[in-house]
C-alpha atoms as a PDB file:
ATOM      1  CA  MET A   1     173.371 145.582-152.030  1.00  0.00           C
ATOM      2  CA  THR A   2     171.993 144.526-155.416  1.00  0.00           C
ATOM      3  CA  ALA A   3     168.504 143.913-153.976  1.00  0.00           C
ATOM      4  CA  THR A   4     168.551 147.307-152.238  1.00  0.00           C
ATOM      5  CA  ILE A   5     169.499 149.083-155.446  1.00  0.00           C
ATOM      6  CA  SER A   6     166.861 147.223-157.485  1.00  0.00           C
ATOM      7  CA  HIS A   7     164.170 148.051-154.961  1.00  0.00           C
ATOM      8  CA  PHE A   8     165.266 151.695-154.863  1.00  0.00           C
ATOM      9  CA  GLU A   9     165.118 151.923-158.664  1.00  0.00           C
ATOM     10  CA  GLU A  10     161.640 150.379-158.730  1.00  0.00           C
ATOM     11  CA  LEU A  11     160.341 152.831-156.116  1.00  0.00           C
ATOM     12  CA  LEU A  12     161.607 155.798-158.097  1.00  0.00           C
ATOM     13  CA  LYS A  13     159.959 154.470-161.280  1.00  0.00           C
ATOM     14  CA  THR A  14     156.524 153.855-159.779  1.00  0.00           C
ATOM     15  CA  VAL A  15     155.918 156.022-156.716  1.00  0.00           C
ATOM     16  CA  PRO A  16     156.275 159.632-157.946  1.00  0.00           C
ATOM     17  CA  ARG A  17     153.341 159.328-160.350  1.00  0.00           C
ATOM     18  CA  ARG A  18     151.144 157.888-157.589  1.00  0.00           C
ATOM     19  CA  LEU A  19     152.157 160.675-155.203  1.00  0.00           C
ATOM     20  CA  ALA A  20     151.487 163.309-157.861  1.00  0.00           C
ATOM     21  CA  ASP A  21     147.919 162.007-158.184  1.00  0.00           C
ATOM     22  CA  ILE A  22     147.144 163.003-154.589  1.00  0.00           C
ATOM     23  CA  ALA A  23     145.321 166.340-154.459  1.00  0.00           C
ATOM     24  CA  ASP A  24     146.913 169.134-152.434  1.00  0.00           C
ATOM     25  CA  ALA A  25     143.867 169.368-150.157  1.00  0.00           C
ATOM     26  CA  ALA A  26     143.970 165.628-149.452  1.00  0.00           C
ATOM     27  CA  ALA A  27     147.699 165.831-148.762  1.00  0.00           C
ATOM     28  CA  ALA A  28     147.106 168.690-146.301  1.00  0.00           C
ATOM     29  CA  HIS A  29     144.412 166.847-144.302  1.00  0.00           C
ATOM     30  CA  LYS A  30     145.465 165.927-140.739  1.00  0.00           C
ATOM     31  CA  PRO A  31     143.773 162.683-139.665  1.00  0.00           C
ATOM     32  CA  GLY A  32     144.024 163.657-135.987  1.00  0.00           C
ATOM     33  CA  PRO A  33     145.420 166.319-133.669  1.00  0.00           C
ATOM     34  CA  ASN A  34     148.683 164.463-133.008  1.00  0.00           C
ATOM     35  CA  ARG A  35     149.003 162.855-136.425  1.00  0.00           C
ATOM     36  CA  TRP A  36     150.883 164.066-139.469  1.00  0.00           C
ATOM     37  CA  SER A  37     149.238 165.016-142.748  1.00  0.00           C
ATOM     38  CA  LYS A  38     150.491 163.405-145.951  1.00  0.00           C
ATOM     39  CA  LYS A  39     152.508 166.591-146.552  1.00  0.00           C
ATOM     40  CA  GLU A  40     154.195 166.171-143.187  1.00  0.00           C
ATOM     41  CA  ILE A  41     154.838 162.467-143.768  1.00  0.00           C
ATOM     42  CA  LEU A  42     156.468 163.241-147.118  1.00  0.00           C
ATOM     43  CA  GLY A  43     158.392 166.066-145.437  1.00  0.00           C
ATOM     44  CA  HIS A  44     159.619 163.527-142.901  1.00  0.00           C
ATOM     45  CA  LEU A  45     160.805 161.344-145.800  1.00  0.00           C
ATOM     46  CA  ILE A  46     162.577 164.373-147.284  1.00  0.00           C
ATOM     47  CA  ASP A  47     164.334 164.875-143.944  1.00  0.00           C
ATOM     48  CA  SER A  48     165.254 161.211-143.905  1.00  0.00           C
ATOM     49  CA  ALA A  49     166.770 161.513-147.377  1.00  0.00           C
ATOM     50  CA  ALA A  50     168.726 164.622-146.343  1.00  0.00           C
ATOM     51  CA  ASN A  51     170.031 163.013-143.148  1.00  0.00           C
ATOM     52  CA  ASN A  52     170.915 159.780-144.901  1.00  0.00           C
ATOM     53  CA  HIS A  53     172.677 161.660-147.680  1.00  0.00           C
ATOM     54  CA  GLN A  54     175.096 163.000-145.056  1.00  0.00           C
ATOM     55  CA  ARG A  55     175.504 159.556-143.547  1.00  0.00           C
ATOM     56  CA  PHE A  56     175.994 157.754-146.865  1.00  0.00           C
ATOM     57  CA  VAL A  57     178.671 160.212-147.974  1.00  0.00           C
ATOM     58  CA  ARG A  58     180.509 160.817-144.706  1.00  0.00           C
ATOM     59  CA  ALA A  59     180.545 157.163-143.635  1.00  0.00           C
ATOM     60  CA  GLN A  60     182.608 156.321-146.705  1.00  0.00           C
ATOM     61  CA  SER A  61     185.493 158.393-145.305  1.00  0.00           C
ATOM     62  CA  ALA A  62     186.155 156.406-142.112  1.00  0.00           C
ATOM     63  CA  PRO A  63     185.546 152.908-140.746  1.00  0.00           C
ATOM     64  CA  LEU A  64     183.433 154.273-137.859  1.00  0.00           C
ATOM     65  CA  LEU A  65     181.534 157.562-137.604  1.00  0.00           C
ATOM     66  CA  GLU A  66     178.981 158.942-135.162  1.00  0.00           C
ATOM     67  CA  PHE A  67     175.976 160.991-136.229  1.00  0.00           C
ATOM     68  CA  PRO A  68     173.384 162.885-134.209  1.00  0.00           C
ATOM     69  CA  GLU A  69     169.891 161.519-133.802  1.00  0.00           C
ATOM     70  CA  TYR A  70     167.152 163.008-135.965  1.00  0.00           C
ATOM     71  CA  ALA A  71     164.540 164.905-133.918  1.00  0.00           C
ATOM     72  CA  GLN A  72     161.668 164.227-136.302  1.00  0.00           C
ATOM     73  CA  GLU A  73     158.893 166.245-134.630  1.00  0.00           C
ATOM     74  CA  PHE A  74     161.135 169.322-134.416  1.00  0.00           C
ATOM     75  CA  TRP A  75     162.324 169.004-138.009  1.00  0.00           C
ATOM     76  CA  VAL A  76     158.848 168.522-139.475  1.00  0.00           C
ATOM     77  CA  ALA A  77     157.320 171.376-137.446  1.00  0.00           C
ATOM     78  CA  THR A  78     160.223 173.783-138.016  1.00  0.00           C
ATOM     79  CA  GLN A  79     160.164 173.344-141.769  1.00  0.00           C
ATOM     80  CA  ALA A  80     156.387 173.853-141.976  1.00  0.00           C
ATOM     81  CA  TYR A  81     155.878 171.112-144.543  1.00  0.00           C
ATOM     82  CA  ALA A  82     152.113 171.428-144.021  1.00  0.00           C
ATOM     83  CA  ALA A  83     152.226 174.837-145.741  1.00  0.00           C
ATOM     84  CA  GLU A  84     154.229 173.772-148.815  1.00  0.00           C
ATOM     85  CA  PRO A  85     152.614 172.933-152.149  1.00  0.00           C
ATOM     86  CA  TRP A  86     152.252 169.165-152.575  1.00  0.00           C
ATOM     87  CA  PRO A  87     153.829 169.093-156.082  1.00  0.00           C
ATOM     88  CA  ASP A  88     156.950 170.817-154.720  1.00  0.00           C
ATOM     89  CA  LEU A  89     157.268 168.247-151.936  1.00  0.00           C
ATOM     90  CA  VAL A  90     156.831 165.367-154.394  1.00  0.00           C
ATOM     91  CA  ASN A  91     159.496 166.797-156.710  1.00  0.00           C
ATOM     92  CA  LEU A  92     161.925 167.449-153.865  1.00  0.00           C
ATOM     93  CA  TRP A  93     161.465 163.912-152.533  1.00  0.00           C
ATOM     94  CA  LEU A  94     162.007 162.467-156.010  1.00  0.00           C
ATOM     95  CA  LEU A  95     165.129 164.472-156.819  1.00  0.00           C
ATOM     96  CA  LEU A  96     166.754 163.863-153.422  1.00  0.00           C
ATOM     97  CA  ASN A  97     166.129 160.154-153.779  1.00  0.00           C
ATOM     98  CA  ARG A  98     167.419 160.012-157.351  1.00  0.00           C
ATOM     99  CA  HIS A  99     170.640 161.491-156.035  1.00  0.00           C
ATOM    100  CA  LEU A 100     170.717 159.103-153.061  1.00  0.00           C
ATOM    101  CA  LEU A 101     170.325 156.176-155.448  1.00  0.00           C
ATOM    102  CA  HIS A 102     173.247 157.540-157.460  1.00  0.00           C
ATOM    103  CA  VAL A 103     175.353 157.796-154.276  1.00  0.00           C
ATOM    104  CA  VAL A 104     174.462 154.255-153.211  1.00  0.00           C
ATOM    105  CA  LYS A 105     175.299 152.863-156.665  1.00  0.00           C
ATOM    106  CA  ALA A 106     178.673 154.620-156.568  1.00  0.00           C
ATOM    107  CA  MET A 107     179.696 153.180-153.169  1.00  0.00           C
ATOM    108  CA  PRO A 108     182.750 150.955-153.471  1.00  0.00           C
ATOM    109  CA  ALA A 109     182.285 147.487-151.944  1.00  0.00           C
ATOM    110  CA  ALA A 110     185.146 148.218-149.528  1.00  0.00           C
ATOM    111  CA  VAL A 111     183.131 150.891-147.667  1.00  0.00           C
ATOM    112  CA  LEU A 112     179.935 148.872-147.199  1.00  0.00           C
ATOM    113  CA  SER A 113     181.280 147.449-143.932  1.00  0.00           C
ATOM    114  CA  HIS A 114     182.014 150.909-142.477  1.00  0.00           C
ATOM    115  CA  GLU A 115     179.961 151.470-139.356  1.00  0.00           C
ATOM    116  CA  CYS A 116     177.658 154.293-138.313  1.00  0.00           C
ATOM    117  CA  VAL A 117     176.524 155.123-134.801  1.00  0.00           C
ATOM    118  CA  ILE A 118     173.375 157.242-134.875  1.00  0.00           C
ATOM    119  CA  GLY A 119     172.231 158.987-131.726  1.00  0.00           C
ATOM    120  CA  GLY A 120     174.093 156.586-129.471  1.00  0.00           C
ATOM    121  CA  HIS A 121     172.338 153.484-130.866  1.00  0.00           C
ATOM    122  CA  PRO A 122     174.364 150.352-131.698  1.00  0.00           C
ATOM    123  CA  ALA A 123     176.605 150.625-134.755  1.00  0.00           C
ATOM    124  CA  VAL A 124     175.244 149.532-138.137  1.00  0.00           C
ATOM    125  CA  THR A 125     177.128 148.990-141.360  1.00  0.00           C
ATOM    126  CA  LEU A 126     176.723 151.373-144.245  1.00  0.00           C
ATOM    127  CA  GLU A 127     175.178 148.542-146.256  1.00  0.00           C
ATOM    128  CA  ALA A 128     172.617 147.869-143.504  1.00  0.00           C
ATOM    129  CA  LEU A 129     171.911 151.584-143.199  1.00  0.00           C
ATOM    130  CA  ALA A 130     171.039 151.790-146.907  1.00  0.00           C
ATOM    131  CA  ALA A 131     168.697 148.783-146.631  1.00  0.00           C
ATOM    132  CA  ASP A 132     167.098 150.222-143.484  1.00  0.00           C
ATOM    133  CA  TYR A 133     166.567 153.548-145.240  1.00  0.00           C
ATOM    134  CA  LEU A 134     164.447 151.794-147.871  1.00  0.00           C
ATOM    135  CA  ARG A 135     162.470 149.886-145.214  1.00  0.00           C
ATOM    136  CA  HIS A 136     161.713 153.260-143.626  1.00  0.00           C
ATOM    137  CA  VAL A 137     160.670 154.722-146.983  1.00  0.00           C
ATOM    138  CA  ASP A 138     158.437 151.696-147.659  1.00  0.00           C
ATOM    139  CA  HIS A 139     156.762 152.070-144.267  1.00  0.00           C
ATOM    140  CA  HIS A 140     155.829 155.700-144.864  1.00  0.00           C
ATOM    141  CA  LEU A 141     154.897 155.222-148.525  1.00  0.00           C
ATOM    142  CA  ALA A 142     152.366 152.644-147.355  1.00  0.00           C
ATOM    143  CA  GLN A 143     150.847 155.372-145.162  1.00  0.00           C
ATOM    144  CA  LEU A 144     150.793 157.819-148.060  1.00  0.00           C
ATOM    145  CA  LEU A 145     149.491 155.477-150.744  1.00  0.00           C
ATOM    146  CA  GLY A 146     147.555 152.899-148.756  1.00  0.00           C
END
């Protein structure tokens, strides 16, 4: 978990400034009819943080918990991220992730082996879920900043 925490800390030190440098108009641009804009990608990452917050907290209470799957297209469209100001999305992403980092750092070692079933997929440990969350963030940050 040490590597996950270190990586998380590094992301939160370096990424927000780079995101803030993206102009609102550039963030709103849709590269294709069935592709998300940068605003929608960051909105998706906000949803991921919100969903994983629930998982990270609730999974500490029991050795095995089930969670619903995240319907990403519905969530992104319903919340109209494309119409939100880019600086607000960047700040929301940053603050949610600062709190998630705090939650992850506070997890006792004894709960890291608790398992989560998400949308009927095979169970994963809470520790693996935290590492996978950061892989997901990295994937989408590459789209935003690449």
